[in-house]
Amino acid sequence: MKSPERDRFRGVGRKVLLALLFVALAGFFLFGKRGLWQWNKLRRQCEEMRRENDSLEQEIAALAARIQALEAGDSLEVERAARYWGMVREGEEIYFIREEGDTLSQRDKFLQGKQ
């Protein structure tokens, strides 16, 4: 004869086992190596890299335009490049404005190199 207590707990073990299996599968699906969490993280990285790539392509295009201008002898671009590298024309005078609290700066290093 079957015990009524035994029948009452018979289905509980299966339910607990199925619940644990469901939790384990859900955890693996969400947080596993190839889960949704990782997928979302990779998707955000991909978007960030696309934005950075677009920015770099714009910078490359701008630099290519400057190179073409330099090669074509555009006087404004040549002047800008020369000023960037600290070049001056013969007879020009350089004036540095020293602000309060300045220490040995680029100005002083420049003047030391000219002597």
PDB file of N, CA and C in Angstrom:
ATOM      1  N   MET A   1       0.821  -1.160   0.000  1.00  0.00           N
ATOM      2  CA  MET A   1       0.000   0.000   0.000  1.00  0.00           C
ATOM      3  C   MET A   1       0.882   1.246   0.000  1.00  0.00           C
ATOM      4  N   LYS A   2       0.482   2.229  -0.767  1.00  0.00           N
ATOM      5  CA  LYS A   2       1.263   3.443  -0.895  1.00  0.00           C
ATOM      6  C   LYS A   2       0.960   4.384   0.258  1.00  0.00           C
ATOM      7  N   SER A   3       2.034   5.061   0.671  1.00  0.00           N
ATOM      8  CA  SER A   3       1.876   6.021   1.752  1.00  0.00           C
ATOM      9  C   SER A   3       1.446   7.360   1.164  1.00  0.00           C
ATOM     10  N   PRO A   4       0.429   8.018   1.767  1.00  0.00           N
ATOM     11  CA  PRO A   4      -0.006   9.300   1.218  1.00  0.00           C
ATOM     12  C   PRO A   4       1.069  10.386   1.333  1.00  0.00           C
ATOM     13  N   GLU A   5       1.920  10.313   2.374  1.00  0.00           N
ATOM     14  CA  GLU A   5       2.999  11.302   2.521  1.00  0.00           C
ATOM     15  C   GLU A   5       4.013  11.176   1.391  1.00  0.00           C
ATOM     16  N   ARG A   6       4.283   9.940   1.001  1.00  0.00           N
ATOM     17  CA  ARG A   6       5.256   9.709  -0.060  1.00  0.00           C
ATOM     18  C   ARG A   6       4.751  10.265  -1.376  1.00  0.00           C
ATOM     19  N   ASP A   7       3.511  10.121  -1.684  1.00  0.00           N
ATOM     20  CA  ASP A   7       2.943  10.634  -2.929  1.00  0.00           C
ATOM     21  C   ASP A   7       2.926  12.166  -2.947  1.00  0.00           C
ATOM     22  N   ARG A   8       2.751  12.746  -1.763  1.00  0.00           N
ATOM     23  CA  ARG A   8       2.683  14.199  -1.687  1.00  0.00           C
ATOM     24  C   ARG A   8       4.028  14.828  -2.066  1.00  0.00           C
ATOM     25  N   PHE A   9       5.159  14.236  -1.687  1.00  0.00           N
ATOM     26  CA  PHE A   9       6.497  14.789  -1.971  1.00  0.00           C
ATOM     27  C   PHE A   9       7.099  14.261  -3.266  1.00  0.00           C
ATOM     28  N   ARG A  10       6.418  13.368  -3.925  1.00  0.00           N
ATOM     29  CA  ARG A  10       6.971  12.763  -5.127  1.00  0.00           C
ATOM     30  C   ARG A  10       7.160  13.798  -6.242  1.00  0.00           C
ATOM     31  N   GLY A  11       6.239  14.659  -6.480  1.00  0.00           N
ATOM     32  CA  GLY A  11       6.333  15.664  -7.530  1.00  0.00           C
ATOM     33  C   GLY A  11       7.200  16.852  -7.142  1.00  0.00           C
ATOM     34  N   VAL A  12       7.458  17.049  -5.846  1.00  0.00           N
ATOM     35  CA  VAL A  12       8.258  18.193  -5.395  1.00  0.00           C
ATOM     36  C   VAL A  12       9.702  18.069  -5.875  1.00  0.00           C
ATOM     37  N   GLY A  13      10.272  16.895  -5.825  1.00  0.00           N
ATOM     38  CA  GLY A  13      11.649  16.678  -6.274  1.00  0.00           C
ATOM     39  C   GLY A  13      11.812  17.020  -7.746  1.00  0.00           C
ATOM     40  N   ARG A  14      10.841  16.642  -8.549  1.00  0.00           N
ATOM     41  CA  ARG A  14      10.902  16.956  -9.978  1.00  0.00           C
ATOM     42  C   ARG A  14      10.798  18.466 -10.207  1.00  0.00           C
ATOM     43  N   LYS A  15       9.923  19.106  -9.465  1.00  0.00           N
ATOM     44  CA  LYS A  15       9.735  20.545  -9.625  1.00  0.00           C
ATOM     45  C   LYS A  15      10.996  21.313  -9.207  1.00  0.00           C
ATOM     46  N   VAL A  16      11.614  20.869  -8.113  1.00  0.00           N
ATOM     47  CA  VAL A  16      12.846  21.517  -7.667  1.00  0.00           C
ATOM     48  C   VAL A  16      13.948  21.313  -8.697  1.00  0.00           C
ATOM     49  N   LEU A  17      14.054  20.098  -9.207  1.00  0.00           N
ATOM     50  CA  LEU A  17      15.062  19.791 -10.215  1.00  0.00           C
ATOM     51  C   LEU A  17      14.839  20.628 -11.479  1.00  0.00           C
ATOM     52  N   LEU A  18      13.602  20.730 -11.933  1.00  0.00           N
ATOM     53  CA  LEU A  18      13.304  21.535 -13.119  1.00  0.00           C
ATOM     54  C   LEU A  18      13.571  23.019 -12.866  1.00  0.00           C
ATOM     55  N   ALA A  19      13.243  23.500 -11.675  1.00  0.00           N
ATOM     56  CA  ALA A  19      13.502  24.896 -11.342  1.00  0.00           C
ATOM     57  C   ALA A  19      14.999  25.183 -11.335  1.00  0.00           C
ATOM     58  N   LEU A  20      15.801  24.290 -10.743  1.00  0.00           N
ATOM     59  CA  LEU A  20      17.258  24.464 -10.733  1.00  0.00           C
ATOM     60  C   LEU A  20      17.830  24.415 -12.146  1.00  0.00           C
ATOM     61  N   LEU A  21      17.311  23.508 -12.951  1.00  0.00           N
ATOM     62  CA  LEU A  21      17.771  23.405 -14.338  1.00  0.00           C
ATOM     63  C   LEU A  21      17.432  24.694 -15.103  1.00  0.00           C
ATOM     64  N   PHE A  22      16.214  25.210 -14.890  1.00  0.00           N
ATOM     65  CA  PHE A  22      15.813  26.456 -15.545  1.00  0.00           C
ATOM     66  C   PHE A  22      16.710  27.615 -15.119  1.00  0.00           C
ATOM     67  N   VAL A  23      16.996  27.730 -13.830  1.00  0.00           N
ATOM     68  CA  VAL A  23      17.859  28.807 -13.329  1.00  0.00           C
ATOM     69  C   VAL A  23      19.256  28.684 -13.920  1.00  0.00           C
ATOM     70  N   ALA A  24      19.779  27.462 -13.983  1.00  0.00           N
ATOM     71  CA  ALA A  24      21.119  27.252 -14.536  1.00  0.00           C
ATOM     72  C   ALA A  24      21.164  27.631 -16.021  1.00  0.00           C
ATOM     73  N   LEU A  25      20.159  27.210 -16.781  1.00  0.00           N
ATOM     74  CA  LEU A  25      20.125  27.541 -18.208  1.00  0.00           C
ATOM     75  C   LEU A  25      19.937  29.039 -18.431  1.00  0.00           C
ATOM     76  N   ALA A  26      19.086  29.663 -17.627  1.00  0.00           N
ATOM     77  CA  ALA A  26      18.886  31.104 -17.752  1.00  0.00           C
ATOM     78  C   ALA A  26      20.178  31.857 -17.416  1.00  0.00           C
ATOM     79  N   GLY A  27      20.871  31.420 -16.379  1.00  0.00           N
ATOM     80  CA  GLY A  27      22.143  32.047 -16.014  1.00  0.00           C
ATOM     81  C   GLY A  27      23.177  31.887 -17.119  1.00  0.00           C
ATOM     82  N   PHE A  28      23.238  30.695 -17.703  1.00  0.00           N
ATOM     83  CA  PHE A  28      24.177  30.457 -18.799  1.00  0.00           C
ATOM     84  C   PHE A  28      23.816  31.311 -20.012  1.00  0.00           C
ATOM     85  N   PHE A  29      22.510  31.387 -20.317  1.00  0.00           N
ATOM     86  CA  PHE A  29      22.046  32.156 -21.467  1.00  0.00           C
ATOM     87  C   PHE A  29      22.316  33.645 -21.283  1.00  0.00           C
ATOM     88  N   LEU A  30      22.172  34.147 -20.073  1.00  0.00           N
ATOM     89  CA  LEU A  30      22.358  35.574 -19.827  1.00  0.00           C
ATOM     90  C   LEU A  30      23.813  35.953 -19.564  1.00  0.00           C
ATOM     91  N   PHE A  31      24.488  35.177 -18.723  1.00  0.00           N
ATOM     92  CA  PHE A  31      25.815  35.589 -18.255  1.00  0.00           C
ATOM     93  C   PHE A  31      26.956  34.686 -18.716  1.00  0.00           C
ATOM     94  N   GLY A  32      26.691  33.737 -19.569  1.00  0.00           N
ATOM     95  CA  GLY A  32      27.730  32.828 -20.037  1.00  0.00           C
ATOM     96  C   GLY A  32      28.719  33.501 -20.954  1.00  0.00           C
ATOM     97  N   LYS A  33      29.671  32.718 -21.427  1.00  0.00           N
ATOM     98  CA  LYS A  33      30.729  33.229 -22.299  1.00  0.00           C
ATOM     99  C   LYS A  33      30.167  33.875 -23.567  1.00  0.00           C
ATOM    100  N   ARG A  34      29.102  33.316 -24.083  1.00  0.00           N
ATOM    101  CA  ARG A  34      28.453  33.863 -25.278  1.00  0.00           C
ATOM    102  C   ARG A  34      27.023  34.285 -24.976  1.00  0.00           C
ATOM    103  N   GLY A  35      26.801  34.746 -23.766  1.00  0.00           N
ATOM    104  CA  GLY A  35      25.466  35.129 -23.333  1.00  0.00           C
ATOM    105  C   GLY A  35      25.080  36.531 -23.774  1.00  0.00           C
ATOM    106  N   LEU A  36      23.881  36.914 -23.393  1.00  0.00           N
ATOM    107  CA  LEU A  36      23.366  38.231 -23.770  1.00  0.00           C
ATOM    108  C   LEU A  36      24.191  39.366 -23.179  1.00  0.00           C
ATOM    109  N   TRP A  37      24.676  39.189 -21.988  1.00  0.00           N
ATOM    110  CA  TRP A  37      25.504  40.223 -21.352  1.00  0.00           C
ATOM    111  C   TRP A  37      26.752  40.496 -22.188  1.00  0.00           C
ATOM    112  N   GLN A  38      27.438  39.439 -22.572  1.00  0.00           N
ATOM    113  CA  GLN A  38      28.658  39.566 -23.379  1.00  0.00           C
ATOM    114  C   GLN A  38      28.328  40.113 -24.762  1.00  0.00           C
ATOM    115  N   TRP A  39      27.224  39.660 -25.335  1.00  0.00           N
ATOM    116  CA  TRP A  39      26.827  40.120 -26.658  1.00  0.00           C
ATOM    117  C   TRP A  39      26.574  41.628 -26.643  1.00  0.00           C
ATOM    118  N   ASN A  40      25.878  42.112 -25.622  1.00  0.00           N
ATOM    119  CA  ASN A  40      25.595  43.538 -25.504  1.00  0.00           C
ATOM    120  C   ASN A  40      26.885  44.341 -25.333  1.00  0.00           C
ATOM    121  N   LYS A  41      27.800  43.822 -24.544  1.00  0.00           N
ATOM    122  CA  LYS A  41      29.095  44.479 -24.334  1.00  0.00           C
ATOM    123  C   LYS A  41      29.863  44.585 -25.658  1.00  0.00           C
ATOM    124  N   LEU A  42      29.891  43.514 -26.424  1.00  0.00           N
ATOM    125  CA  LEU A  42      30.588  43.522 -27.714  1.00  0.00           C
ATOM    126  C   LEU A  42      29.915  44.458 -28.714  1.00  0.00           C
ATOM    127  N   ARG A  43      28.592  44.529 -28.665  1.00  0.00           N
ATOM    128  CA  ARG A  43      27.855  45.420 -29.555  1.00  0.00           C
ATOM    129  C   ARG A  43      28.204  46.883 -29.257  1.00  0.00           C
ATOM    130  N   ARG A  44      28.297  47.234 -27.966  1.00  0.00           N
ATOM    131  CA  ARG A  44      28.683  48.598 -27.594  1.00  0.00           C
ATOM    132  C   ARG A  44      30.112  48.901 -28.035  1.00  0.00           C
ATOM    133  N   GLN A  45      31.024  47.937 -27.878  1.00  0.00           N
ATOM    134  CA  GLN A  45      32.413  48.134 -28.322  1.00  0.00           C
ATOM    135  C   GLN A  45      32.469  48.349 -29.835  1.00  0.00           C
ATOM    136  N   CYS A  46      31.666  47.598 -30.550  1.00  0.00           N
ATOM    137  CA  CYS A  46      31.634  47.716 -32.016  1.00  0.00           C
ATOM    138  C   CYS A  46      31.158  49.108 -32.428  1.00  0.00           C
ATOM    139  N   GLU A  47      30.118  49.617 -31.788  1.00  0.00           N
ATOM    140  CA  GLU A  47      29.623  50.956 -32.085  1.00  0.00           C
ATOM    141  C   GLU A  47      30.679  52.017 -31.779  1.00  0.00           C
ATOM    142  N   GLU A  48      31.355  51.856 -30.647  1.00  0.00           N
ATOM    143  CA  GLU A  48      32.409  52.801 -30.275  1.00  0.00           C
ATOM    144  C   GLU A  48      33.538  52.785 -31.301  1.00  0.00           C
ATOM    145  N   MET A  49      33.909  51.612 -31.760  1.00  0.00           N
ATOM    146  CA  MET A  49      34.972  51.495 -32.765  1.00  0.00           C
ATOM    147  C   MET A  49      34.534  52.101 -34.098  1.00  0.00           C
ATOM    148  N   ARG A  50      33.266  51.949 -34.448  1.00  0.00           N
ATOM    149  CA  ARG A  50      32.761  52.568 -35.685  1.00  0.00           C
ATOM    150  C   ARG A  50      32.843  54.089 -35.603  1.00  0.00           C
ATOM    151  N   ARG A  51      32.443  54.645 -34.452  1.00  0.00           N
ATOM    152  CA  ARG A  51      32.525  56.099 -34.288  1.00  0.00           C
ATOM    153  C   ARG A  51      33.977  56.568 -34.369  1.00  0.00           C
ATOM    154  N   GLU A  52      34.875  55.837 -33.721  1.00  0.00           N
ATOM    155  CA  GLU A  52      36.298  56.201 -33.761  1.00  0.00           C
ATOM    156  C   GLU A  52      36.838  56.092 -35.185  1.00  0.00           C
ATOM    157  N   ASN A  53      36.420  55.062 -35.895  1.00  0.00           N
ATOM    158  CA  ASN A  53      36.855  54.872 -37.281  1.00  0.00           C
ATOM    159  C   ASN A  53      36.372  56.022 -38.159  1.00  0.00           C
ATOM    160  N   ASP A  54      35.128  56.443 -37.984  1.00  0.00           N
ATOM    161  CA  ASP A  54      34.607  57.574 -38.756  1.00  0.00           C
ATOM    162  C   ASP A  54      35.403  58.843 -38.467  1.00  0.00           C
ATOM    163  N   SER A  55      35.716  59.049 -37.191  1.00  0.00           N
ATOM    164  CA  SER A  55      36.493  60.223 -36.805  1.00  0.00           C
ATOM    165  C   SER A  55      37.880  60.185 -37.442  1.00  0.00           C
ATOM    166  N   LEU A  56      38.512  59.030 -37.430  1.00  0.00           N
ATOM    167  CA  LEU A  56      39.844  58.898 -38.028  1.00  0.00           C
ATOM    168  C   LEU A  56      39.796  59.078 -39.539  1.00  0.00           C
ATOM    169  N   GLU A  57      38.741  58.598 -40.176  1.00  0.00           N
ATOM    170  CA  GLU A  57      38.618  58.794 -41.625  1.00  0.00           C
ATOM    171  C   GLU A  57      38.482  60.272 -41.965  1.00  0.00           C
ATOM    172  N   GLN A  58      37.746  61.020 -41.143  1.00  0.00           N
ATOM    173  CA  GLN A  58      37.629  62.464 -41.368  1.00  0.00           C
ATOM    174  C   GLN A  58      38.973  63.154 -41.183  1.00  0.00           C
ATOM    175  N   GLU A  59      39.712  62.730 -40.171  1.00  0.00           N
ATOM    176  CA  GLU A  59      41.036  63.308 -39.938  1.00  0.00           C
ATOM    177  C   GLU A  59      41.984  62.994 -41.088  1.00  0.00           C
ATOM    178  N   ILE A  60      41.915  61.780 -41.592  1.00  0.00           N
ATOM    179  CA  ILE A  60      42.759  61.384 -42.730  1.00  0.00           C
ATOM    180  C   ILE A  60      42.417  62.227 -43.955  1.00  0.00           C
ATOM    181  N   ALA A  61      41.127  62.456 -44.187  1.00  0.00           N
ATOM    182  CA  ALA A  61      40.713  63.268 -45.338  1.00  0.00           C
ATOM    183  C   ALA A  61      41.220  64.698 -45.198  1.00  0.00           C
ATOM    184  N   ALA A  62      41.149  65.249 -43.994  1.00  0.00           N
ATOM    185  CA  ALA A  62      41.633  66.612 -43.775  1.00  0.00           C
ATOM    186  C   ALA A  62      43.144  66.694 -43.983  1.00  0.00           C
ATOM    187  N   LEU A  63      43.870  65.714 -43.484  1.00  0.00           N
ATOM    188  CA  LEU A  63      45.328  65.704 -43.659  1.00  0.00           C
ATOM    189  C   LEU A  63      45.707  65.507 -45.125  1.00  0.00           C
ATOM    190  N   ALA A  64      44.947  64.688 -45.839  1.00  0.00           N
ATOM    191  CA  ALA A  64      45.224  64.484 -47.264  1.00  0.00           C
ATOM    192  C   ALA A  64      45.013  65.794 -48.029  1.00  0.00           C
ATOM    193  N   ALA A  65      43.997  66.553 -47.635  1.00  0.00           N
ATOM    194  CA  ALA A  65      43.759  67.848 -48.287  1.00  0.00           C
ATOM    195  C   ALA A  65      44.905  68.804 -47.996  1.00  0.00           C
ATOM    196  N   ARG A  66      45.413  68.787 -46.762  1.00  0.00           N
ATOM    197  CA  ARG A  66      46.553  69.657 -46.430  1.00  0.00           C
ATOM    198  C   ARG A  66      47.796  69.244 -47.219  1.00  0.00           C
ATOM    199  N   ILE A  67      48.014  67.948 -47.362  1.00  0.00           N
ATOM    200  CA  ILE A  67      49.173  67.463 -48.135  1.00  0.00           C
ATOM    201  C   ILE A  67      49.065  67.926 -49.580  1.00  0.00           C
ATOM    202  N   GLN A  68      47.871  67.802 -50.155  1.00  0.00           N
ATOM    203  CA  GLN A  68      47.683  68.252 -51.536  1.00  0.00           C
ATOM    204  C   GLN A  68      47.945  69.750 -51.660  1.00  0.00           C
ATOM    205  N   ALA A  69      47.507  70.510 -50.664  1.00  0.00           N
ATOM    206  CA  ALA A  69      47.731  71.960 -50.699  1.00  0.00           C
ATOM    207  C   ALA A  69      49.222  72.266 -50.601  1.00  0.00           C
ATOM    208  N   LEU A  70      49.938  71.538 -49.746  1.00  0.00           N
ATOM    209  CA  LEU A  70      51.388  71.747 -49.628  1.00  0.00           C
ATOM    210  C   LEU A  70      52.105  71.378 -50.918  1.00  0.00           C
ATOM    211  N   GLU A  71      51.706  70.246 -51.504  1.00  0.00           N
ATOM    212  CA  GLU A  71      52.338  69.816 -52.754  1.00  0.00           C
ATOM    213  C   GLU A  71      52.038  70.777 -53.895  1.00  0.00           C
ATOM    214  N   ALA A  72      50.868  71.396 -53.861  1.00  0.00           N
ATOM    215  CA  ALA A  72      50.494  72.342 -54.918  1.00  0.00           C
ATOM    216  C   ALA A  72      51.152  73.701 -54.707  1.00  0.00           C
ATOM    217  N   GLY A  73      51.771  73.902 -53.545  1.00  0.00           N
ATOM    218  CA  GLY A  73      52.464  75.154 -53.278  1.00  0.00           C
ATOM    219  C   GLY A  73      51.544  76.249 -52.766  1.00  0.00           C
ATOM    220  N   ASP A  74      50.430  75.895 -52.158  1.00  0.00           N
ATOM    221  CA  ASP A  74      49.507  76.879 -51.586  1.00  0.00           C
ATOM    222  C   ASP A  74      50.251  77.681 -50.530  1.00  0.00           C
ATOM    223  N   SER A  75      50.402  78.984 -50.786  1.00  0.00           N
ATOM    224  CA  SER A  75      51.242  79.809 -49.916  1.00  0.00           C
ATOM    225  C   SER A  75      50.695  79.892 -48.487  1.00  0.00           C
ATOM    226  N   LEU A  76      49.397  79.911 -48.325  1.00  0.00           N
ATOM    227  CA  LEU A  76      48.812  79.973 -46.987  1.00  0.00           C
ATOM    228  C   LEU A  76      49.134  78.702 -46.186  1.00  0.00           C
ATOM    229  N   GLU A  77      49.038  77.570 -46.844  1.00  0.00           N
ATOM    230  CA  GLU A  77      49.322  76.302 -46.150  1.00  0.00           C
ATOM    231  C   GLU A  77      50.808  76.159 -45.850  1.00  0.00           C
ATOM    232  N   VAL A  78      51.650  76.596 -46.765  1.00  0.00           N
ATOM    233  CA  VAL A  78      53.095  76.559 -46.527  1.00  0.00           C
ATOM    234  C   VAL A  78      53.443  77.468 -45.353  1.00  0.00           C
ATOM    235  N   GLU A  79      52.840  78.650 -45.310  1.00  0.00           N
ATOM    236  CA  GLU A  79      53.077  79.583 -44.203  1.00  0.00           C
ATOM    237  C   GLU A  79      52.621  78.974 -42.875  1.00  0.00           C
ATOM    238  N   ARG A  80      51.461  78.334 -42.882  1.00  0.00           N
ATOM    239  CA  ARG A  80      50.932  77.716 -41.666  1.00  0.00           C
ATOM    240  C   ARG A  80      51.868  76.605 -41.168  1.00  0.00           C
ATOM    241  N   ALA A  81      52.377  75.792 -42.080  1.00  0.00           N
ATOM    242  CA  ALA A  81      53.291  74.717 -41.692  1.00  0.00           C
ATOM    243  C   ALA A  81      54.600  75.279 -41.154  1.00  0.00           C
ATOM    244  N   ALA A  82      55.100  76.311 -41.785  1.00  0.00           N
ATOM    245  CA  ALA A  82      56.355  76.919 -41.332  1.00  0.00           C
ATOM    246  C   ALA A  82      56.185  77.516 -39.938  1.00  0.00           C
ATOM    247  N   ARG A  83      55.076  78.191 -39.700  1.00  0.00           N
ATOM    248  CA  ARG A  83      54.833  78.783 -38.373  1.00  0.00           C
ATOM    249  C   ARG A  83      54.666  77.695 -37.321  1.00  0.00           C
ATOM    250  N   TYR A  84      54.050  76.606 -37.697  1.00  0.00           N
ATOM    251  CA  TYR A  84      53.876  75.504 -36.747  1.00  0.00           C
ATOM    252  C   TYR A  84      55.229  74.988 -36.268  1.00  0.00           C
ATOM    253  N   TRP A  85      56.184  74.905 -37.174  1.00  0.00           N
ATOM    254  CA  TRP A  85      57.508  74.385 -36.820  1.00  0.00           C
ATOM    255  C   TRP A  85      58.445  75.469 -36.299  1.00  0.00           C
ATOM    256  N   GLY A  86      57.930  76.660 -36.060  1.00  0.00           N
ATOM    257  CA  GLY A  86      58.726  77.717 -35.445  1.00  0.00           C
ATOM    258  C   GLY A  86      59.639  78.451 -36.400  1.00  0.00           C
ATOM    259  N   MET A  87      59.398  78.370 -37.670  1.00  0.00           N
ATOM    260  CA  MET A  87      60.234  79.056 -38.651  1.00  0.00           C
ATOM    261  C   MET A  87      59.796  80.507 -38.794  1.00  0.00           C
ATOM    262  N   VAL A  88      60.757  81.378 -39.017  1.00  0.00           N
ATOM    263  CA  VAL A  88      60.468  82.792 -39.221  1.00  0.00           C
ATOM    264  C   VAL A  88      61.178  83.253 -40.481  1.00  0.00           C
ATOM    265  N   ARG A  89      60.658  84.328 -41.055  1.00  0.00           N
ATOM    266  CA  ARG A  89      61.311  84.900 -42.223  1.00  0.00           C
ATOM    267  C   ARG A  89      62.469  85.767 -41.763  1.00  0.00           C
ATOM    268  N   GLU A  90      63.394  85.961 -42.649  1.00  0.00           N
ATOM    269  CA  GLU A  90      64.526  86.811 -42.340  1.00  0.00           C
ATOM    270  C   GLU A  90      64.026  88.231 -42.098  1.00  0.00           C
ATOM    271  N   GLY A  91      64.476  88.809 -40.997  1.00  0.00           N
ATOM    272  CA  GLY A  91      64.077  90.162 -40.663  1.00  0.00           C
ATOM    273  C   GLY A  91      62.868  90.245 -39.741  1.00  0.00           C
ATOM    274  N   GLU A  92      62.182  89.165 -39.526  1.00  0.00           N
ATOM    275  CA  GLU A  92      61.040  89.197 -38.616  1.00  0.00           C
ATOM    276  C   GLU A  92      61.519  89.146 -37.176  1.00  0.00           C
ATOM    277  N   GLU A  93      60.771  89.768 -36.320  1.00  0.00           N
ATOM    278  CA  GLU A  93      61.085  89.738 -34.899  1.00  0.00           C
ATOM    279  C   GLU A  93      60.000  88.946 -34.184  1.00  0.00           C
ATOM    280  N   ILE A  94      60.434  88.192 -33.181  1.00  0.00           N
ATOM    281  CA  ILE A  94      59.496  87.373 -32.414  1.00  0.00           C
ATOM    282  C   ILE A  94      59.298  88.019 -31.057  1.00  0.00           C
ATOM    283  N   TYR A  95      58.056  88.169 -30.669  1.00  0.00           N
ATOM    284  CA  TYR A  95      57.722  88.709 -29.362  1.00  0.00           C
ATOM    285  C   TYR A  95      56.992  87.632 -28.567  1.00  0.00           C
ATOM    286  N   PHE A  96      57.494  87.372 -27.370  1.00  0.00           N
ATOM    287  CA  PHE A  96      56.836  86.430 -26.483  1.00  0.00           C
ATOM    288  C   PHE A  96      56.195  87.204 -25.351  1.00  0.00           C
ATOM    289  N   ILE A  97      54.994  86.861 -25.036  1.00  0.00           N
ATOM    290  CA  ILE A  97      54.299  87.492 -23.925  1.00  0.00           C
ATOM    291  C   ILE A  97      54.368  86.533 -22.750  1.00  0.00           C
ATOM    292  N   ARG A  98      55.068  86.973 -21.734  1.00  0.00           N
ATOM    293  CA  ARG A  98      55.233  86.121 -20.574  1.00  0.00           C
ATOM    294  C   ARG A  98      54.162  86.465 -19.554  1.00  0.00           C
ATOM    295  N   GLU A  99      53.471  85.457 -19.106  1.00  0.00           N
ATOM    296  CA  GLU A  99      52.430  85.662 -18.115  1.00  0.00           C
ATOM    297  C   GLU A  99      52.991  85.428 -16.733  1.00  0.00           C
ATOM    298  N   GLU A 100      52.343  86.019 -15.767  1.00  0.00           N
ATOM    299  CA  GLU A 100      52.781  85.901 -14.383  1.00  0.00           C
ATOM    300  C   GLU A 100      52.761  84.428 -13.968  1.00  0.00           C
ATOM    301  N   GLY A 101      53.821  84.005 -13.336  1.00  0.00           N
ATOM    302  CA  GLY A 101      53.897  82.623 -12.869  1.00  0.00           C
ATOM    303  C   GLY A 101      54.518  81.665 -13.871  1.00  0.00           C
ATOM    304  N   ASP A 102      54.909  82.157 -15.035  1.00  0.00           N
ATOM    305  CA  ASP A 102      55.560  81.290 -16.019  1.00  0.00           C
ATOM    306  C   ASP A 102      56.932  80.872 -15.517  1.00  0.00           C
ATOM    307  N   THR A 103      57.268  79.639 -15.770  1.00  0.00           N
ATOM    308  CA  THR A 103      58.603  79.148 -15.461  1.00  0.00           C
ATOM    309  C   THR A 103      59.321  78.925 -16.772  1.00  0.00           C
ATOM    310  N   LEU A 104      60.408  78.192 -16.724  1.00  0.00           N
ATOM    311  CA  LEU A 104      61.133  77.892 -17.962  1.00  0.00           C
ATOM    312  C   LEU A 104      60.177  77.207 -18.919  1.00  0.00           C
ATOM    313  N   SER A 105      59.868  77.860 -19.984  1.00  0.00           N
ATOM    314  CA  SER A 105      58.846  77.356 -20.898  1.00  0.00           C
ATOM    315  C   SER A 105      59.435  77.184 -22.292  1.00  0.00           C
ATOM    316  N   GLN A 106      58.539  76.976 -23.225  1.00  0.00           N
ATOM    317  CA  GLN A 106      58.947  76.828 -24.612  1.00  0.00           C
ATOM    318  C   GLN A 106      59.671  78.079 -25.101  1.00  0.00           C
ATOM    319  N   ARG A 107      59.224  79.249 -24.639  1.00  0.00           N
ATOM    320  CA  ARG A 107      59.854  80.506 -25.053  1.00  0.00           C
ATOM    321  C   ARG A 107      61.319  80.513 -24.647  1.00  0.00           C
ATOM    322  N   ASP A 108      61.587  80.144 -23.379  1.00  0.00           N
ATOM    323  CA  ASP A 108      62.965  80.153 -22.887  1.00  0.00           C
ATOM    324  C   ASP A 108      63.811  79.104 -23.600  1.00  0.00           C
ATOM    325  N   LYS A 109      63.236  77.952 -23.838  1.00  0.00           N
ATOM    326  CA  LYS A 109      63.971  76.908 -24.563  1.00  0.00           C
ATOM    327  C   LYS A 109      64.284  77.369 -25.982  1.00  0.00           C
ATOM    328  N   PHE A 110      63.318  78.075 -26.600  1.00  0.00           N
ATOM    329  CA  PHE A 110      63.527  78.590 -27.935  1.00  0.00           C
ATOM    330  C   PHE A 110      64.659  79.606 -27.962  1.00  0.00           C
ATOM    331  N   LEU A 111      64.640  80.510 -26.992  1.00  0.00           N
ATOM    332  CA  LEU A 111      65.673  81.556 -26.946  1.00  0.00           C
ATOM    333  C   LEU A 111      67.041  80.961 -26.636  1.00  0.00           C
ATOM    334  N   GLN A 112      67.108  79.925 -25.827  1.00  0.00           N
ATOM    335  CA  GLN A 112      68.379  79.283 -25.536  1.00  0.00           C
ATOM    336  C   GLN A 112      68.951  78.612 -26.775  1.00  0.00           C
ATOM    337  N   GLY A 113      68.073  78.077 -27.607  1.00  0.00           N
ATOM    338  CA  GLY A 113      68.516  77.413 -28.834  1.00  0.00           C
ATOM    339  C   GLY A 113      69.017  78.397 -29.880  1.00  0.00           C
ATOM    340  N   LYS A 114      68.583  79.661 -29.834  1.00  0.00           N
ATOM    341  CA  LYS A 114      68.960  80.675 -30.828  1.00  0.00           C
ATOM    342  C   LYS A 114      70.335  81.280 -30.539  1.00  0.00           C
ATOM    343  N   GLN A 115      70.814  81.156 -29.313  1.00  0.00           N
ATOM    344  CA  GLN A 115      72.084  81.792 -28.952  1.00  0.00           C
ATOM    345  C   GLN A 115      73.271  80.997 -29.395  1.00  0.00           C
TER     346      GLN A 115
END
